[in-house]
Protein backbone atom coordinates (compact mmCIF):
# COMPACT_ATOMS: atom_id res chain seq x y z
CA MET A 1 137.33 46.38 72.88
CA ALA A 2 133.53 46.18 73.58
CA PHE A 3 131.54 43.07 74.61
CA LEU A 4 127.96 42.43 75.00
CA ASN A 5 127.07 39.77 77.64
CA LEU A 6 124.10 37.53 76.74
CA PRO A 7 122.82 34.48 78.53
CA GLY A 8 125.52 31.84 78.07
CA HIS A 9 127.83 33.84 75.79
CA ARG A 10 129.24 37.25 74.88
CA LEU A 11 129.74 39.11 71.67
CA HIS A 12 132.70 41.22 70.64
CA TYR A 13 131.89 44.28 68.68
CA CYS A 14 133.30 47.63 67.63
CA ILE A 15 131.85 50.90 66.28
CA ASP A 16 133.52 53.09 63.68
CA GLY A 17 132.58 56.57 62.46
CA ASP A 18 130.78 57.37 65.69
CA THR A 19 132.40 60.46 67.01
CA ARG A 20 130.92 63.66 68.51
CA GLY A 21 128.89 65.40 65.95
CA ASP A 22 128.14 62.22 63.99
CA GLN A 23 124.86 61.28 65.64
CA GLY A 24 122.95 62.13 62.58
CA LYS A 25 124.76 59.59 60.35
CA PRO A 26 122.74 56.30 59.72
CA TRP A 27 123.88 52.99 60.98
CA LEU A 28 125.47 50.37 58.87
CA MET A 29 125.97 46.73 60.26
CA PHE A 30 128.39 44.40 58.97
CA CYS A 31 128.26 40.53 59.36
CA ASN A 32 131.22 38.36 58.48
CA SER A 33 131.67 35.13 56.78
CA LEU A 34 132.44 31.62 58.12
CA GLY A 35 135.94 31.41 59.70
CA THR A 36 136.61 35.12 59.73
CA ASP A 37 136.25 37.82 62.22
CA LEU A 38 135.14 41.57 62.11
CA HIS A 39 138.51 42.60 60.53
CA MET A 40 137.36 41.08 57.30
CA TRP A 41 135.70 44.46 56.74
CA ASP A 42 138.82 46.55 57.42
CA ARG A 43 138.97 47.62 53.78
CA GLN A 44 135.53 48.98 53.97
CA ILE A 45 135.85 51.10 57.16
CA PRO A 46 137.95 54.14 55.92
CA GLU A 47 135.55 55.04 53.12
CA LEU A 48 132.22 54.09 54.52
CA SER A 49 132.69 55.39 58.06
CA ARG A 50 132.73 58.87 56.58
CA HIS A 51 129.12 58.41 55.81
CA PHE A 52 127.91 55.90 58.33
CA ARG A 53 128.13 54.80 61.92
CA ILE A 54 129.45 51.31 61.50
CA LEU A 55 128.65 48.37 63.71
CA ARG A 56 130.69 45.15 63.13
CA TYR A 57 130.91 42.15 65.43
CA ASP A 58 132.23 38.65 65.77
CA ARG A 59 129.49 36.10 65.65
CA ARG A 60 129.46 33.44 68.37
CA GLY A 61 132.31 30.98 68.02
CA HIS A 62 134.41 33.48 66.07
CA GLY A 63 137.02 36.09 66.83
CA MET A 64 136.82 37.46 70.34
CA SER A 65 133.30 36.50 70.85
CA SER A 66 132.79 33.44 73.13
CA THR A 67 131.88 29.90 71.83
CA THR A 68 128.81 28.15 72.83
CA PRO A 69 128.34 24.33 72.30
CA ALA A 70 127.42 23.30 68.77
CA PRO A 71 125.17 22.95 66.90
CA TYR A 72 123.73 26.36 66.16
CA ALA A 73 120.64 27.39 64.17
CA LEU A 74 120.35 30.33 61.83
CA SER A 75 117.87 31.74 64.29
CA ASP A 76 120.48 31.76 66.99
CA LEU A 77 122.78 33.86 64.73
CA GLY A 78 120.03 36.19 63.75
CA GLY A 79 118.92 36.48 67.41
CA ASP A 80 122.38 37.56 68.34
CA ALA A 81 122.34 40.32 65.90
CA VAL A 82 118.94 41.58 67.07
CA ALA A 83 120.31 41.41 70.76
CA LEU A 84 123.18 43.61 69.73
CA LEU A 85 120.95 46.22 68.11
CA ASP A 86 118.70 46.14 71.24
CA ALA A 87 121.59 46.60 73.63
CA LEU A 88 122.97 49.56 71.64
CA ASN A 89 119.48 51.16 71.29
CA ILE A 90 119.64 51.04 67.52
CA GLU A 91 116.13 51.06 66.05
CA GLN A 92 117.06 50.59 62.46
CA VAL A 93 120.23 49.81 60.60
CA HIS A 94 121.45 49.25 57.07
CA PHE A 95 122.91 45.74 56.76
CA CYS A 96 125.73 44.08 54.77
CA GLY A 97 126.45 40.38 55.24
CA LEU A 98 128.73 38.05 53.24
CA SER A 99 128.32 34.20 53.01
CA ILE A 100 126.71 33.07 56.33
CA GLY A 101 126.55 36.75 57.12
CA GLY A 102 124.35 37.04 54.09
CA LEU A 103 122.16 34.20 55.29
CA THR A 104 121.80 35.94 58.56
CA GLY A 105 120.85 39.12 56.73
CA GLN A 106 118.15 37.17 54.80
CA TRP A 107 116.86 35.76 58.14
CA LEU A 108 116.62 39.25 59.62
CA GLY A 109 114.89 40.59 56.48
CA ILE A 110 112.33 37.77 56.75
CA HIS A 111 111.69 37.98 60.53
CA VAL A 112 112.55 41.49 61.68
CA GLY A 113 112.62 43.46 58.42
CA LYS A 114 111.43 46.59 60.10
CA ARG A 115 114.73 46.78 61.94
CA LEU A 116 116.66 47.07 58.66
CA GLY A 117 116.75 49.66 56.03
CA LYS A 118 118.59 48.54 52.86
CA ILE A 119 120.25 45.02 52.73
CA ALA A 120 123.42 44.11 50.96
CA LEU A 121 123.64 40.18 50.51
CA CYS A 122 127.03 39.38 49.33
CA ALA A 123 128.56 35.93 48.10
CA THR A 124 125.81 34.14 49.76
CA ALA A 125 122.67 32.04 48.76
CA ALA A 126 119.21 31.19 50.16
CA LYS A 127 120.60 27.68 50.55
CA ILE A 128 124.36 27.11 50.67
CA GLY A 129 125.59 23.60 50.10
CA THR A 130 123.77 20.56 51.40
CA THR A 131 123.25 18.88 54.72
CA GLU A 132 125.54 16.18 53.65
CA SER A 133 128.37 18.33 52.41
CA TRP A 134 128.31 20.39 55.70
CA GLY A 135 128.23 17.17 57.70
CA ALA A 136 131.27 16.02 55.94
CA ARG A 137 133.00 19.29 56.70
CA MET A 138 132.18 19.17 60.35
CA ALA A 139 133.64 15.56 60.52
CA VAL A 140 136.91 16.68 58.94
CA VAL A 141 137.13 19.52 61.43
CA ARG A 142 136.47 17.35 64.46
CA GLU A 143 139.06 14.94 63.28
CA ASN A 144 141.82 17.10 62.02
CA GLY A 145 141.10 20.71 62.93
CA LEU A 146 140.78 23.73 60.71
CA ALA A 147 144.41 23.81 59.49
CA THR A 148 143.69 20.89 57.24
CA LEU A 149 141.22 23.14 55.32
CA ALA A 150 143.47 26.15 54.93
CA ALA A 151 144.80 25.42 51.52
CA ALA A 152 141.43 24.58 49.89
CA THR A 153 139.79 27.57 51.70
CA ALA A 154 142.36 29.99 50.14
CA GLU A 155 141.54 28.55 46.77
CA ARG A 156 137.73 29.06 47.17
CA TRP A 157 138.14 32.54 48.68
CA PHE A 158 140.68 34.34 46.35
CA THR A 159 141.62 34.09 42.81
CA PRO A 160 145.26 32.92 41.96
CA TYR A 161 145.98 36.45 40.80
CA PHE A 162 144.93 38.11 43.96
CA HIS A 163 146.68 35.50 46.09
CA ALA A 164 149.99 36.05 44.19
CA ALA A 165 149.64 39.96 44.17
CA THR A 166 148.77 40.29 47.81
CA PRO A 167 150.22 37.21 49.72
CA ALA A 168 150.26 38.92 53.07
CA THR A 169 146.66 39.88 53.04
CA VAL A 170 145.60 36.30 52.17
CA ALA A 171 147.90 34.96 54.88
CA THR A 172 146.37 37.26 57.41
CA ILE A 173 142.85 36.00 56.54
CA LEU A 174 144.00 32.42 56.67
CA ASP A 175 145.75 32.92 59.99
CA THR A 176 142.23 34.09 61.41
CA PHE A 177 140.58 31.13 59.79
CA VAL A 178 142.85 28.57 61.36
CA ALA A 179 142.59 30.28 64.76
CA THR A 180 138.75 30.14 64.70
CA SER A 181 137.29 27.94 67.47
CA ALA A 182 136.68 24.48 65.94
CA GLU A 183 133.51 24.23 68.05
CA GLY A 184 132.28 27.54 66.83
CA TYR A 185 133.14 26.68 63.24
CA ILE A 186 131.25 23.36 63.54
CA GLY A 187 128.24 25.07 65.16
CA CYS A 188 127.86 27.35 62.22
CA CYS A 189 128.38 24.49 59.79
CA ALA A 190 125.47 22.90 61.40
CA ALA A 191 123.34 26.11 60.92
CA LEU A 192 124.40 26.25 57.29
CA GLY A 193 123.43 22.66 56.78
CA GLN A 194 119.91 23.32 58.04
CA ALA A 195 119.31 26.84 56.61
CA ASP A 196 117.13 26.93 53.50
CA LEU A 197 115.37 30.30 52.92
CA ARG A 198 114.37 29.74 49.35
CA GLU A 199 110.52 29.59 50.02
CA ASP A 200 110.80 32.73 52.32
CA LEU A 201 112.77 35.26 50.12
CA GLN A 202 109.52 36.81 48.87
CA ARG A 203 108.84 38.06 52.39
CA ILE A 204 111.72 40.38 52.21
CA VAL A 205 110.38 43.90 51.39
CA ASN A 206 113.59 45.95 51.96
CA PRO A 207 115.53 47.05 49.00
CA VAL A 208 118.22 44.34 48.39
CA LEU A 209 121.54 44.45 46.49
CA ALA A 210 122.90 40.96 45.79
CA VAL A 211 126.71 41.17 45.08
CA SER A 212 128.48 38.24 43.64
CA GLY A 213 132.15 37.46 42.94
CA ASP A 214 132.25 36.64 39.19
CA ASP A 215 134.53 33.56 39.88
CA ASP A 216 133.07 32.42 43.15
CA PRO A 217 132.91 28.66 43.28
CA VAL A 218 130.92 28.72 46.61
CA CYS A 219 128.06 30.93 45.82
CA PRO A 220 128.25 31.65 42.02
CA PRO A 221 126.58 34.67 40.50
CA SER A 222 123.35 32.53 39.65
CA ASP A 223 122.76 32.28 43.43
CA LEU A 224 122.84 35.98 43.83
CA GLU A 225 120.68 36.43 40.71
CA ASP A 226 118.13 34.03 42.45
CA ILE A 227 118.03 36.13 45.55
CA ALA A 228 117.60 39.53 43.53
CA ASN A 229 114.82 37.94 41.54
CA ASN A 230 112.83 36.50 44.41
CA VAL A 231 112.93 39.40 46.93
CA GLN A 232 110.37 42.03 46.27
CA HIS A 233 112.95 44.78 45.40
CA GLY A 234 116.15 43.18 44.44
CA ARG A 235 119.14 44.02 42.11
CA HIS A 236 122.21 41.93 41.36
CA MET A 237 125.74 43.03 40.45
CA SER A 238 128.94 41.04 40.06
CA LEU A 239 132.44 42.08 40.85
CA ARG A 240 135.88 40.55 40.14
CA GLY A 241 136.83 37.89 42.61
CA ARG A 242 135.94 34.79 44.29
CA HIS A 243 134.18 34.30 47.63
CA ILE A 244 135.62 37.12 49.80
CA VAL A 245 134.74 39.58 47.13
CA ASN A 246 134.68 42.57 49.51
CA ILE A 247 138.49 42.17 49.92
CA GLU A 248 139.44 41.18 46.45
CA SER A 249 137.46 44.04 44.81
CA ALA A 250 137.53 46.32 47.72
CA CYS A 251 137.21 49.65 45.82
CA ALA A 252 134.55 48.57 43.59
CA PHE A 253 132.69 46.98 46.52
CA ASN A 254 132.86 50.13 48.66
CA ALA A 255 131.52 52.24 45.63
CA ALA A 256 128.62 49.93 45.12
CA LEU A 257 127.67 49.94 48.74
CA LEU A 258 127.91 53.68 49.01
CA GLU A 259 125.81 54.18 45.99
CA PHE A 260 123.16 51.64 47.06
CA TYR A 261 122.83 52.93 50.65
CA ARG A 262 122.76 56.65 49.80
């Protein structure tokens, strides 16, 4: 386990594919979705770590990272990613983020684009939901905790077919969701409620691959098409699945990333 101590909190991270003789491989950074931890990328690691040094981390309030008091801003989450790159002396990294991780990637592309190579933005949008919808979500979590959202979350995240075919995988993801710090979850909901990057997408000059789940009720394919059409160099593709498309269509997802980054 590795941790980066920052003023007021610490980030848990891990590096894969960084063994002796691998120093020439490019870096690839993964940024997870709301209510998950760095293990949501486990299905990407065996294939992609053959070609990249992979950096993944738990955002503040998630996994083994510490929780700071809510609310958070998207700039806080983007700043954590930059601080991690700085601490590890990584000058430039390819990036892949999903949902709020994709919003973090958009923020990084807008504000510190030179630190990134190519950017994969997955199951995300330049504006996810509304201030009111996230406010309602925060109220439910404050009152009842995250367990009350587990069933609805499973429905949004995975198709019935995938749920029935791989119940243990879905159960593991939901266990992580329920174990997430309520304060950290609320803090990120606040960031989502305020984040609106629609007017800034044209500032992203990095090559962008926008990946949607074809049955995603949270960020449908049209949201990813909008991103691809509004950045300077964007392309959209859709894969089978709902919101956590990197797990539901892992093989196709890995192949798409490998083709894009290489």
